[in-house]
Amino acid sequence: MFRSSGYVTSVRQVRGADGRTRDIGTGDYVETGVTLAHIRHDDLQTQVAQARAQLDQTVAEHAKADQDFQRAQALYSTQSLTKPDYDKAQESFYSTRAAMEKAKAALRQVELLLGDADLKAPFSGYILSRNIDLGSLASSSTSAFTIADIGRVKVTFGAPDYALSQIRLGQELTIRTENDAAVLKGRVTSISPAADTTNRIFAIEVTVTNRDRHLKPGMIASVSLGEVPHTSISIPLSAVVAFPSEPEHFAVMVAQERAGTLVANLRRVQLGTTHDTSVAVEGVQPGERVVSVGAQLLKDGDPIQVIP
């Protein structure tokens, strides 16, 4: 984006696939330092001229104040000048020096703005979007171009807690995209220290070298972790209740037969990942039946009835 506002006076021209010249835009590759667009220089050049004139004026005022102060020092040393007049000359010297330094800073600032009237690519990459056209009014709060360097890309995915033992920083993982492109290798560069509060999974980031640019931003890919040693049981979310003595933990009501009567048995469980209206749990065995309707109204040992 531009550092200052102004009218766009030119946009870089490139030759399209049809041989015609057009404005640079989405999908075009740019090198570092290439000028992408210009905003009108006249306004900024006027500001530079005004700042330079202001600096010249403050320099002249400070030069006069310097001479007056030197004269005042000489007279004051021989007691030929009163203390108030000496203080006045000294104050004028310091105030004009401060004004001169301020004017220098203002000139440097507008010169930087003038230099930034030419918008240049900060690094090599592909243009993802262009939000300006010839004649449009650009501002410092609007992104003019979005550029992506896809020489290295990041593949992100979520892993449940039981799979974290299979993942470590620096580990090499296999990446495959849905378009059946060549299998790529990447290394784990980030593992979130905390699970997402909504789905209870940990964010993992894998960095992949993408010299051939097979991978594009927004693609969907699969990551192979190998075989994860875990078997989980999924139950309806409606079957999960708070554990009475430990509200921060969870439980389910498991149907058990006691003296010929089917009753609810409170059992503490460990929750895993959720999917739609189901959640993976640890603590329930395959084949066991859990109460999924009205579990919150039951107490341990209450009789229950199976509804076919």
C-alpha atoms as a PDB file:
ATOM      1  CA  MET A   1       0.000   0.000   0.000  1.00  0.00           C
ATOM      2  CA  PHE A   2       1.042   3.613  -0.464  1.00  0.00           C
ATOM      3  CA  ARG A   3       2.185   5.611   2.564  1.00  0.00           C
ATOM      4  CA  SER A   4       0.185   8.649   1.486  1.00  0.00           C
ATOM      5  CA  SER A   5      -2.973   9.393  -0.454  1.00  0.00           C
ATOM      6  CA  GLY A   6      -2.989  10.399  -4.096  1.00  0.00           C
ATOM      7  CA  TYR A   7      -4.381   9.734  -7.547  1.00  0.00           C
ATOM      8  CA  VAL A   8      -2.893   6.769  -9.386  1.00  0.00           C
ATOM      9  CA  THR A   9      -1.170   8.124 -12.501  1.00  0.00           C
ATOM     10  CA  SER A  10       0.203   4.836 -13.857  1.00  0.00           C
ATOM     11  CA  VAL A  11       0.047   1.073 -13.325  1.00  0.00           C
ATOM     12  CA  ARG A  12       2.799  -1.247 -14.537  1.00  0.00           C
ATOM     13  CA  GLN A  13       2.141  -2.645 -18.001  1.00  0.00           C
ATOM     14  CA  VAL A  14       2.744  -6.285 -18.976  1.00  0.00           C
ATOM     15  CA  ARG A  15       2.074  -8.292 -22.115  1.00  0.00           C
ATOM     16  CA  GLY A  16      -0.804 -10.740 -21.776  1.00  0.00           C
ATOM     17  CA  ALA A  17      -1.230 -14.202 -23.267  1.00  0.00           C
ATOM     18  CA  ASP A  18      -2.996 -12.670 -26.285  1.00  0.00           C
ATOM     19  CA  GLY A  19       0.011 -10.441 -27.001  1.00  0.00           C
ATOM     20  CA  ARG A  20      -1.756  -7.259 -25.904  1.00  0.00           C
ATOM     21  CA  THR A  21      -0.407  -4.854 -23.300  1.00  0.00           C
ATOM     22  CA  ARG A  22      -2.463  -4.638 -20.118  1.00  0.00           C
ATOM     23  CA  ASP A  23      -2.215  -3.516 -16.481  1.00  0.00           C
ATOM     24  CA  ILE A  24      -0.385  -5.926 -14.198  1.00  0.00           C
ATOM     25  CA  GLY A  25      -2.836  -7.951 -12.154  1.00  0.00           C
ATOM     26  CA  THR A  26      -3.847 -11.208 -10.494  1.00  0.00           C
ATOM     27  CA  GLY A  27      -1.624 -14.155 -11.393  1.00  0.00           C
ATOM     28  CA  ASP A  28       1.322 -12.120 -12.679  1.00  0.00           C
ATOM     29  CA  TYR A  29       4.765 -12.769 -11.209  1.00  0.00           C
ATOM     30  CA  VAL A  30       6.855  -9.806 -10.060  1.00  0.00           C
ATOM     31  CA  GLU A  31      10.463  -9.499  -8.973  1.00  0.00           C
ATOM     32  CA  THR A  32      11.725  -7.657  -5.902  1.00  0.00           C
ATOM     33  CA  GLY A  33      11.917  -3.901  -6.426  1.00  0.00           C
ATOM     34  CA  VAL A  34       9.713  -3.767  -9.538  1.00  0.00           C
ATOM     35  CA  THR A  35       7.601  -0.603  -9.599  1.00  0.00           C
ATOM     36  CA  LEU A  36       3.930  -1.587  -9.630  1.00  0.00           C
ATOM     37  CA  ALA A  37       2.228   1.813  -9.691  1.00  0.00           C
ATOM     38  CA  HIS A  38       2.709   5.563  -9.201  1.00  0.00           C
ATOM     39  CA  ILE A  39       0.616   8.202  -7.539  1.00  0.00           C
ATOM     40  CA  ARG A  40       0.697  11.828  -8.678  1.00  0.00           C
ATOM     41  CA  HIS A  41       4.067  13.413  -7.829  1.00  0.00           C
ATOM     42  CA  ASP A  42       3.051  17.070  -8.234  1.00  0.00           C
ATOM     43  CA  ASP A  43       1.303  17.337  -4.851  1.00  0.00           C
ATOM     44  CA  LEU A  44       4.204  15.731  -3.015  1.00  0.00           C
ATOM     45  CA  GLN A  45       6.803  17.789  -4.885  1.00  0.00           C
ATOM     46  CA  THR A  46       4.936  20.910  -3.791  1.00  0.00           C
ATOM     47  CA  GLN A  47       5.103  19.713  -0.189  1.00  0.00           C
ATOM     48  CA  VAL A  48       8.851  19.118  -0.562  1.00  0.00           C
ATOM     49  CA  ALA A  49       9.341  22.636  -1.942  1.00  0.00           C
ATOM     50  CA  GLN A  50       7.349  24.128   0.938  1.00  0.00           C
ATOM     51  CA  ALA A  51       9.314  22.126   3.509  1.00  0.00           C
ATOM     52  CA  ARG A  52      12.626  23.154   1.938  1.00  0.00           C
ATOM     53  CA  ALA A  53      11.604  26.827   1.973  1.00  0.00           C
ATOM     54  CA  GLN A  54      10.589  26.503   5.617  1.00  0.00           C
ATOM     55  CA  LEU A  55      13.972  24.968   6.395  1.00  0.00           C
ATOM     56  CA  ASP A  56      15.825  27.765   4.615  1.00  0.00           C
ATOM     57  CA  GLN A  57      13.884  30.322   6.652  1.00  0.00           C
ATOM     58  CA  THR A  58      14.639  28.613   9.981  1.00  0.00           C
ATOM     59  CA  VAL A  59      18.332  28.279   9.047  1.00  0.00           C
ATOM     60  CA  ALA A  60      18.525  32.021   8.372  1.00  0.00           C
ATOM     61  CA  GLU A  61      16.730  32.842  11.621  1.00  0.00           C
ATOM     62  CA  HIS A  62      19.044  30.561  13.574  1.00  0.00           C
ATOM     63  CA  ALA A  63      22.148  32.079  11.957  1.00  0.00           C
ATOM     64  CA  LYS A  64      21.025  35.558  13.048  1.00  0.00           C
ATOM     65  CA  ALA A  65      20.154  34.293  16.530  1.00  0.00           C
ATOM     66  CA  ASP A  66      23.599  32.664  16.757  1.00  0.00           C
ATOM     67  CA  GLN A  67      25.334  35.920  15.907  1.00  0.00           C
ATOM     68  CA  ASP A  68      23.203  37.827  18.415  1.00  0.00           C
ATOM     69  CA  PHE A  69      23.928  35.287  21.129  1.00  0.00           C
ATOM     70  CA  GLN A  70      27.686  35.418  20.524  1.00  0.00           C
ATOM     71  CA  ARG A  71      27.567  39.210  20.730  1.00  0.00           C
ATOM     72  CA  ALA A  72      25.486  38.997  23.899  1.00  0.00           C
ATOM     73  CA  GLN A  73      27.998  36.624  25.489  1.00  0.00           C
ATOM     74  CA  ALA A  74      30.855  39.000  24.761  1.00  0.00           C
ATOM     75  CA  LEU A  75      28.985  42.004  26.179  1.00  0.00           C
ATOM     76  CA  TYR A  76      27.706  40.103  29.214  1.00  0.00           C
ATOM     77  CA  SER A  77      31.241  38.950  30.073  1.00  0.00           C
ATOM     78  CA  THR A  78      32.303  42.618  30.360  1.00  0.00           C
ATOM     79  CA  GLN A  79      29.106  43.520  32.237  1.00  0.00           C
ATOM     80  CA  SER A  80      28.005  45.692  29.314  1.00  0.00           C
ATOM     81  CA  LEU A  81      24.690  43.791  28.919  1.00  0.00           C
ATOM     82  CA  THR A  82      21.958  43.193  31.437  1.00  0.00           C
ATOM     83  CA  LYS A  83      20.995  39.682  32.514  1.00  0.00           C
ATOM     84  CA  PRO A  84      17.445  39.860  30.992  1.00  0.00           C
ATOM     85  CA  ASP A  85      18.863  40.866  27.590  1.00  0.00           C
ATOM     86  CA  TYR A  86      21.407  38.066  27.775  1.00  0.00           C
ATOM     87  CA  ASP A  87      18.679  35.511  28.661  1.00  0.00           C
ATOM     88  CA  LYS A  88      16.548  36.749  25.780  1.00  0.00           C
ATOM     89  CA  ALA A  89      19.398  36.255  23.280  1.00  0.00           C
ATOM     90  CA  GLN A  90      20.086  32.796  24.670  1.00  0.00           C
ATOM     91  CA  GLU A  91      16.418  31.796  24.467  1.00  0.00           C
ATOM     92  CA  SER A  92      16.231  32.989  20.854  1.00  0.00           C
ATOM     93  CA  PHE A  93      19.323  30.903  20.000  1.00  0.00           C
ATOM     94  CA  TYR A  94      17.903  27.678  21.412  1.00  0.00           C
ATOM     95  CA  SER A  95      14.368  28.201  20.058  1.00  0.00           C
ATOM     96  CA  THR A  96      15.576  28.897  16.517  1.00  0.00           C
ATOM     97  CA  ARG A  97      17.856  25.845  16.665  1.00  0.00           C
ATOM     98  CA  ALA A  98      14.911  23.667  17.692  1.00  0.00           C
ATOM     99  CA  ALA A  99      12.796  25.116  14.883  1.00  0.00           C
ATOM    100  CA  MET A 100      15.591  24.383  12.399  1.00  0.00           C
ATOM    101  CA  GLU A 101      15.837  20.735  13.533  1.00  0.00           C
ATOM    102  CA  LYS A 102      12.061  20.394  13.292  1.00  0.00           C
ATOM    103  CA  ALA A 103      12.111  21.800   9.755  1.00  0.00           C
ATOM    104  CA  LYS A 104      14.859  19.322   8.785  1.00  0.00           C
ATOM    105  CA  ALA A 105      12.752  16.425  10.077  1.00  0.00           C
ATOM    106  CA  ALA A 106       9.694  17.688   8.206  1.00  0.00           C
ATOM    107  CA  LEU A 107      11.707  17.898   4.983  1.00  0.00           C
ATOM    108  CA  ARG A 108      13.000  14.336   5.427  1.00  0.00           C
ATOM    109  CA  GLN A 109       9.458  13.130   6.006  1.00  0.00           C
ATOM    110  CA  VAL A 110       8.007  14.635   2.830  1.00  0.00           C
ATOM    111  CA  GLU A 111      11.032  13.457   0.844  1.00  0.00           C
ATOM    112  CA  LEU A 112      10.280   9.916   2.044  1.00  0.00           C
ATOM    113  CA  LEU A 113       6.664  10.337   0.979  1.00  0.00           C
ATOM    114  CA  LEU A 114       7.825  11.500  -2.440  1.00  0.00           C
ATOM    115  CA  GLY A 115      10.070   8.466  -2.754  1.00  0.00           C
ATOM    116  CA  ASP A 116       7.171   6.206  -1.757  1.00  0.00           C
ATOM    117  CA  ALA A 117       4.979   7.639  -4.491  1.00  0.00           C
ATOM    118  CA  ASP A 118       6.466   4.802  -6.554  1.00  0.00           C
ATOM    119  CA  LEU A 119       5.005   1.589  -5.136  1.00  0.00           C
ATOM    120  CA  LYS A 120       7.543  -1.238  -5.424  1.00  0.00           C
ATOM    121  CA  ALA A 121       7.251  -4.949  -4.787  1.00  0.00           C
ATOM    122  CA  PRO A 122       8.912  -5.704  -1.417  1.00  0.00           C
ATOM    123  CA  PHE A 123       9.718  -9.275  -2.482  1.00  0.00           C
ATOM    124  CA  SER A 124       9.308 -11.584  -5.454  1.00  0.00           C
ATOM    125  CA  GLY A 125       5.984 -13.374  -5.746  1.00  0.00           C
ATOM    126  CA  TYR A 126       2.624 -13.730  -7.462  1.00  0.00           C
ATOM    127  CA  ILE A 127      -0.002 -10.993  -7.353  1.00  0.00           C
ATOM    128  CA  LEU A 128      -3.117 -12.308  -5.617  1.00  0.00           C
ATOM    129  CA  SER A 129      -5.158  -9.135  -6.028  1.00  0.00           C
ATOM    130  CA  ARG A 130      -4.972  -5.572  -7.357  1.00  0.00           C
ATOM    131  CA  ASN A 131      -7.303  -3.004  -5.808  1.00  0.00           C
ATOM    132  CA  ILE A 132      -6.305   0.140  -7.730  1.00  0.00           C
ATOM    133  CA  ASP A 133      -6.746   1.334 -11.314  1.00  0.00           C
ATOM    134  CA  LEU A 134      -5.486   4.242 -13.337  1.00  0.00           C
ATOM    135  CA  GLY A 135      -7.136   7.401 -11.978  1.00  0.00           C
ATOM    136  CA  SER A 136      -8.373   5.892  -8.734  1.00  0.00           C
ATOM    137  CA  LEU A 137      -7.666   7.638  -5.433  1.00  0.00           C
ATOM    138  CA  ALA A 138      -5.283   5.517  -3.354  1.00  0.00           C
ATOM    139  CA  SER A 139      -5.001   5.975   0.394  1.00  0.00           C
ATOM    140  CA  SER A 140      -2.625   4.761   3.070  1.00  0.00           C
ATOM    141  CA  SER A 141      -5.387   2.611   4.606  1.00  0.00           C
ATOM    142  CA  THR A 142      -6.195   0.664   1.442  1.00  0.00           C
ATOM    143  CA  SER A 143      -4.196  -2.298   0.169  1.00  0.00           C
ATOM    144  CA  ALA A 144      -3.137  -1.583  -3.402  1.00  0.00           C
ATOM    145  CA  PHE A 145      -1.671  -5.031  -4.163  1.00  0.00           C
ATOM    146  CA  THR A 146      -1.543  -8.364  -2.367  1.00  0.00           C
ATOM    147  CA  ILE A 147       1.542 -10.404  -3.235  1.00  0.00           C
ATOM    148  CA  ALA A 148       2.301 -13.972  -2.154  1.00  0.00           C
ATOM    149  CA  ASP A 149       5.711 -15.591  -2.083  1.00  0.00           C
ATOM    150  CA  ILE A 150       4.887 -19.284  -2.530  1.00  0.00           C
ATOM    151  CA  GLY A 151       8.466 -20.528  -2.749  1.00  0.00           C
ATOM    152  CA  ARG A 152       7.750 -21.964   0.713  1.00  0.00           C
ATOM    153  CA  VAL A 153       4.204 -22.625   1.912  1.00  0.00           C
ATOM    154  CA  LYS A 154       2.627 -23.692   5.166  1.00  0.00           C
ATOM    155  CA  VAL A 155       0.206 -26.590   5.466  1.00  0.00           C
ATOM    156  CA  THR A 156      -1.959 -26.378   8.581  1.00  0.00           C
ATOM    157  CA  PHE A 157      -4.131 -29.085  10.116  1.00  0.00           C
ATOM    158  CA  GLY A 158      -5.611 -30.073  13.464  1.00  0.00           C
ATOM    159  CA  ALA A 159      -4.644 -33.118  15.497  1.00  0.00           C
ATOM    160  CA  PRO A 160      -6.419 -34.620  18.540  1.00  0.00           C
ATOM    161  CA  ASP A 161      -4.482 -35.067  21.755  1.00  0.00           C
ATOM    162  CA  TYR A 162      -3.952 -38.817  21.254  1.00  0.00           C
ATOM    163  CA  ALA A 163      -2.148 -38.107  17.967  1.00  0.00           C
ATOM    164  CA  LEU A 164       0.316 -35.597  19.452  1.00  0.00           C
ATOM    165  CA  SER A 165       2.667 -38.411  20.448  1.00  0.00           C
ATOM    166  CA  GLN A 166       3.145 -39.067  16.721  1.00  0.00           C
ATOM    167  CA  ILE A 167       4.167 -35.453  15.966  1.00  0.00           C
ATOM    168  CA  ARG A 168       7.321 -33.554  16.889  1.00  0.00           C
ATOM    169  CA  LEU A 169       9.044 -30.386  15.741  1.00  0.00           C
ATOM    170  CA  GLY A 170      11.314 -30.953  12.749  1.00  0.00           C
ATOM    171  CA  GLN A 171       9.546 -34.187  11.814  1.00  0.00           C
ATOM    172  CA  GLU A 172       9.237 -34.869   8.080  1.00  0.00           C
ATOM    173  CA  LEU A 173       5.691 -35.537   6.886  1.00  0.00           C
ATOM    174  CA  THR A 174       4.233 -36.550   3.530  1.00  0.00           C
ATOM    175  CA  ILE A 175       1.879 -34.063   1.817  1.00  0.00           C
ATOM    176  CA  ARG A 176      -0.520 -34.998  -0.972  1.00  0.00           C
ATOM    177  CA  THR A 177      -2.944 -32.610  -2.647  1.00  0.00           C
ATOM    178  CA  GLU A 178      -6.412 -33.468  -3.945  1.00  0.00           C
ATOM    179  CA  ASN A 179      -5.350 -32.862  -7.546  1.00  0.00           C
ATOM    180  CA  ASP A 180      -3.081 -35.955  -7.340  1.00  0.00           C
ATOM    181  CA  ALA A 181       0.074 -33.924  -7.907  1.00  0.00           C
ATOM    182  CA  ALA A 182       3.455 -35.320  -6.939  1.00  0.00           C
ATOM    183  CA  VAL A 183       3.896 -36.291  -3.290  1.00  0.00           C
ATOM    184  CA  LEU A 184       5.727 -33.568  -1.352  1.00  0.00           C
ATOM    185  CA  LYS A 185       7.679 -33.593   1.891  1.00  0.00           C
ATOM    186  CA  GLY A 186       7.451 -30.991   4.626  1.00  0.00           C
ATOM    187  CA  ARG A 187       8.717 -30.477   8.149  1.00  0.00           C
ATOM    188  CA  VAL A 188       6.700 -29.651  11.252  1.00  0.00           C
ATOM    189  CA  THR A 189       7.559 -26.065  12.232  1.00  0.00           C
ATOM    190  CA  SER A 190       4.849 -25.305  14.797  1.00  0.00           C
ATOM    191  CA  ILE A 191       2.728 -27.254  17.295  1.00  0.00           C
ATOM    192  CA  SER A 192       0.123 -25.291  19.238  1.00  0.00           C
ATOM    193  CA  PRO A 193       0.659 -25.539  23.010  1.00  0.00           C
ATOM    194  CA  ALA A 194      -3.109 -25.454  23.676  1.00  0.00           C
ATOM    195  CA  ALA A 195      -6.153 -27.089  22.109  1.00  0.00           C
ATOM    196  CA  ASP A 196      -8.872 -25.114  20.390  1.00  0.00           C
ATOM    197  CA  THR A 197     -11.646 -24.493  22.925  1.00  0.00           C
ATOM    198  CA  THR A 198     -14.351 -25.406  20.420  1.00  0.00           C
ATOM    199  CA  ASN A 199     -13.207 -28.656  18.818  1.00  0.00           C
ATOM    200  CA  ARG A 200     -10.417 -29.644  21.268  1.00  0.00           C
ATOM    201  CA  ILE A 201      -7.782 -30.156  18.566  1.00  0.00           C
ATOM    202  CA  PHE A 202      -4.222 -28.836  18.366  1.00  0.00           C
ATOM    203  CA  ALA A 203      -3.100 -26.706  15.396  1.00  0.00           C
ATOM    204  CA  ILE A 204      -0.084 -28.111  13.560  1.00  0.00           C
ATOM    205  CA  GLU A 205       1.930 -26.224  10.934  1.00  0.00           C
ATOM    206  CA  VAL A 206       4.094 -27.925   8.316  1.00  0.00           C
ATOM    207  CA  THR A 207       6.443 -25.904   6.086  1.00  0.00           C
ATOM    208  CA  VAL A 208       6.947 -27.229   2.565  1.00  0.00           C
ATOM    209  CA  THR A 209       9.502 -26.156  -0.022  1.00  0.00           C
ATOM    210  CA  ASN A 210       7.503 -25.266  -3.126  1.00  0.00           C
ATOM    211  CA  ARG A 211      10.121 -24.461  -5.759  1.00  0.00           C
ATOM    212  CA  ASP A 212       8.020 -25.899  -8.590  1.00  0.00           C
ATOM    213  CA  ARG A 213       4.980 -23.980  -7.267  1.00  0.00           C
ATOM    214  CA  HIS A 214       2.667 -27.005  -7.349  1.00  0.00           C
ATOM    215  CA  LEU A 215       1.033 -25.815  -4.139  1.00  0.00           C
ATOM    216  CA  LYS A 216      -1.216 -22.753  -4.251  1.00  0.00           C
ATOM    217  CA  PRO A 217      -2.701 -20.729  -1.380  1.00  0.00           C
ATOM    218  CA  GLY A 218      -6.060 -22.185  -0.300  1.00  0.00           C
ATOM    219  CA  MET A 219      -5.472 -25.721  -1.602  1.00  0.00           C
ATOM    220  CA  ILE A 220      -6.705 -28.711   0.388  1.00  0.00           C
ATOM    221  CA  ALA A 221      -4.109 -31.374   1.125  1.00  0.00           C
ATOM    222  CA  SER A 222      -3.814 -34.567   3.151  1.00  0.00           C
ATOM    223  CA  VAL A 223      -1.012 -35.176   5.636  1.00  0.00           C
ATOM    224  CA  SER A 224       0.119 -38.671   6.532  1.00  0.00           C
ATOM    225  CA  LEU A 225       1.091 -39.302  10.163  1.00  0.00           C
ATOM    226  CA  GLY A 226       1.440 -43.031   9.750  1.00  0.00           C
ATOM    227  CA  GLU A 227      -0.639 -45.311  11.924  1.00  0.00           C
ATOM    228  CA  VAL A 228      -1.893 -43.626  15.081  1.00  0.00           C
ATOM    229  CA  PRO A 229      -2.239 -46.189  17.907  1.00  0.00           C
ATOM    230  CA  HIS A 230      -5.705 -45.257  19.110  1.00  0.00           C
ATOM    231  CA  THR A 231      -9.187 -46.711  18.877  1.00  0.00           C
ATOM    232  CA  SER A 232     -12.054 -44.445  19.867  1.00  0.00           C
ATOM    233  CA  ILE A 233     -15.750 -44.916  20.458  1.00  0.00           C
ATOM    234  CA  SER A 234     -18.151 -42.212  19.252  1.00  0.00           C
ATOM    235  CA  ILE A 235     -21.372 -41.426  21.089  1.00  0.00           C
ATOM    236  CA  PRO A 236     -24.055 -38.720  20.671  1.00  0.00           C
ATOM    237  CA  LEU A 237     -23.220 -35.398  22.297  1.00  0.00           C
ATOM    238  CA  SER A 238     -26.571 -35.562  24.120  1.00  0.00           C
ATOM    239  CA  ALA A 239     -25.257 -38.545  26.112  1.00  0.00           C
ATOM    240  CA  VAL A 240     -22.493 -36.493  27.800  1.00  0.00           C
ATOM    241  CA  VAL A 241     -23.222 -35.120  31.282  1.00  0.00           C
ATOM    242  CA  ALA A 242     -21.121 -33.340  33.898  1.00  0.00           C
ATOM    243  CA  PHE A 243     -19.506 -35.553  36.530  1.00  0.00           C
ATOM    244  CA  PRO A 244     -21.387 -34.632  39.765  1.00  0.00           C
ATOM    245  CA  SER A 245     -18.437 -34.293  42.150  1.00  0.00           C
ATOM    246  CA  GLU A 246     -16.101 -32.807  39.518  1.00  0.00           C
ATOM    247  CA  PRO A 247     -18.076 -30.453  37.224  1.00  0.00           C
ATOM    248  CA  GLU A 248     -15.006 -29.797  35.067  1.00  0.00           C
ATOM    249  CA  HIS A 249     -15.000 -33.481  34.025  1.00  0.00           C
ATOM    250  CA  PHE A 250     -17.564 -35.459  32.026  1.00  0.00           C
ATOM    251  CA  ALA A 251     -19.474 -38.724  32.337  1.00  0.00           C
ATOM    252  CA  VAL A 252     -22.090 -40.874  30.611  1.00  0.00           C
ATOM    253  CA  MET A 253     -24.902 -43.109  31.835  1.00  0.00           C
ATOM    254  CA  VAL A 254     -24.166 -46.691  30.788  1.00  0.00           C
ATOM    255  CA  ALA A 255     -27.060 -49.199  30.756  1.00  0.00           C
ATOM    256  CA  GLN A 256     -26.354 -52.138  33.095  1.00  0.00           C
ATOM    257  CA  GLU A 257     -28.533 -54.957  34.355  1.00  0.00           C
ATOM    258  CA  ARG A 258     -28.891 -55.374  38.128  1.00  0.00           C
ATOM    259  CA  ALA A 259     -31.159 -58.044  39.603  1.00  0.00           C
ATOM    260  CA  GLY A 260     -33.031 -58.329  36.371  1.00  0.00           C
ATOM    261  CA  THR A 261     -33.610 -54.564  36.095  1.00  0.00           C
ATOM    262  CA  LEU A 262     -31.900 -52.214  33.670  1.00  0.00           C
ATOM    263  CA  VAL A 263     -30.356 -49.251  35.514  1.00  0.00           C
ATOM    264  CA  ALA A 264     -28.141 -46.277  34.676  1.00  0.00           C
ATOM    265  CA  ASN A 265     -24.525 -46.563  35.773  1.00  0.00           C
ATOM    266  CA  LEU A 266     -22.614 -43.276  36.006  1.00  0.00           C
ATOM    267  CA  ARG A 267     -19.185 -43.585  34.399  1.00  0.00           C
ATOM    268  CA  ARG A 268     -16.498 -40.944  34.018  1.00  0.00           C
ATOM    269  CA  VAL A 269     -15.147 -40.579  30.467  1.00  0.00           C
ATOM    270  CA  GLN A 270     -12.483 -38.628  28.593  1.00  0.00           C
ATOM    271  CA  LEU A 271     -13.762 -36.633  25.609  1.00  0.00           C
ATOM    272  CA  GLY A 272     -11.964 -36.590  22.274  1.00  0.00           C
ATOM    273  CA  THR A 273     -12.736 -34.924  18.953  1.00  0.00           C
ATOM    274  CA  THR A 274     -16.243 -33.959  17.873  1.00  0.00           C
ATOM    275  CA  HIS A 275     -17.837 -34.499  14.503  1.00  0.00           C
ATOM    276  CA  ASP A 276     -21.269 -33.068  13.773  1.00  0.00           C
ATOM    277  CA  THR A 277     -23.439 -34.334  16.701  1.00  0.00           C
ATOM    278  CA  SER A 278     -21.025 -37.050  17.902  1.00  0.00           C
ATOM    279  CA  VAL A 279     -17.968 -37.036  20.136  1.00  0.00           C
ATOM    280  CA  ALA A 280     -15.161 -39.559  20.616  1.00  0.00           C
ATOM    281  CA  VAL A 281     -14.825 -40.855  24.191  1.00  0.00           C
ATOM    282  CA  GLU A 282     -12.480 -43.020  26.223  1.00  0.00           C
ATOM    283  CA  GLY A 283     -14.026 -45.128  28.983  1.00  0.00           C
ATOM    284  CA  VAL A 284     -16.799 -46.845  27.019  1.00  0.00           C
ATOM    285  CA  GLN A 285     -16.303 -50.307  25.556  1.00  0.00           C
ATOM    286  CA  PRO A 286     -17.605 -51.502  22.168  1.00  0.00           C
ATOM    287  CA  GLY A 287     -21.088 -53.014  22.520  1.00  0.00           C
ATOM    288  CA  GLU A 288     -22.045 -51.076  25.645  1.00  0.00           C
ATOM    289  CA  ARG A 289     -25.204 -48.996  25.568  1.00  0.00           C
ATOM    290  CA  VAL A 290     -25.320 -45.375  26.796  1.00  0.00           C
ATOM    291  CA  VAL A 291     -28.316 -43.203  27.574  1.00  0.00           C
ATOM    292  CA  SER A 292     -28.672 -40.555  24.898  1.00  0.00           C
ATOM    293  CA  VAL A 293     -32.115 -39.122  25.774  1.00  0.00           C
ATOM    294  CA  GLY A 294     -32.684 -37.586  29.197  1.00  0.00           C
ATOM    295  CA  ALA A 295     -29.247 -38.471  30.579  1.00  0.00           C
ATOM    296  CA  GLN A 296     -29.074 -35.140  32.431  1.00  0.00           C
ATOM    297  CA  LEU A 297     -32.190 -36.102  34.468  1.00  0.00           C
ATOM    298  CA  LEU A 298     -30.806 -39.417  35.736  1.00  0.00           C
ATOM    299  CA  LYS A 299     -28.837 -40.338  38.847  1.00  0.00           C
ATOM    300  CA  ASP A 300     -26.568 -43.307  39.284  1.00  0.00           C
ATOM    301  CA  GLY A 301     -28.708 -46.430  39.814  1.00  0.00           C
ATOM    302  CA  ASP A 302     -31.986 -45.004  38.387  1.00  0.00           C
ATOM    303  CA  PRO A 303     -34.018 -47.550  36.408  1.00  0.00           C
ATOM    304  CA  ILE A 304     -34.106 -46.970  32.663  1.00  0.00           C
ATOM    305  CA  GLN A 305     -36.013 -48.370  29.720  1.00  0.00           C
ATOM    306  CA  VAL A 306     -34.686 -49.094  26.258  1.00  0.00           C
ATOM    307  CA  ILE A 307     -36.827 -47.502  23.550  1.00  0.00           C
ATOM    308  CA  PRO A 308     -36.637 -49.590  20.351  1.00  0.00           C
END
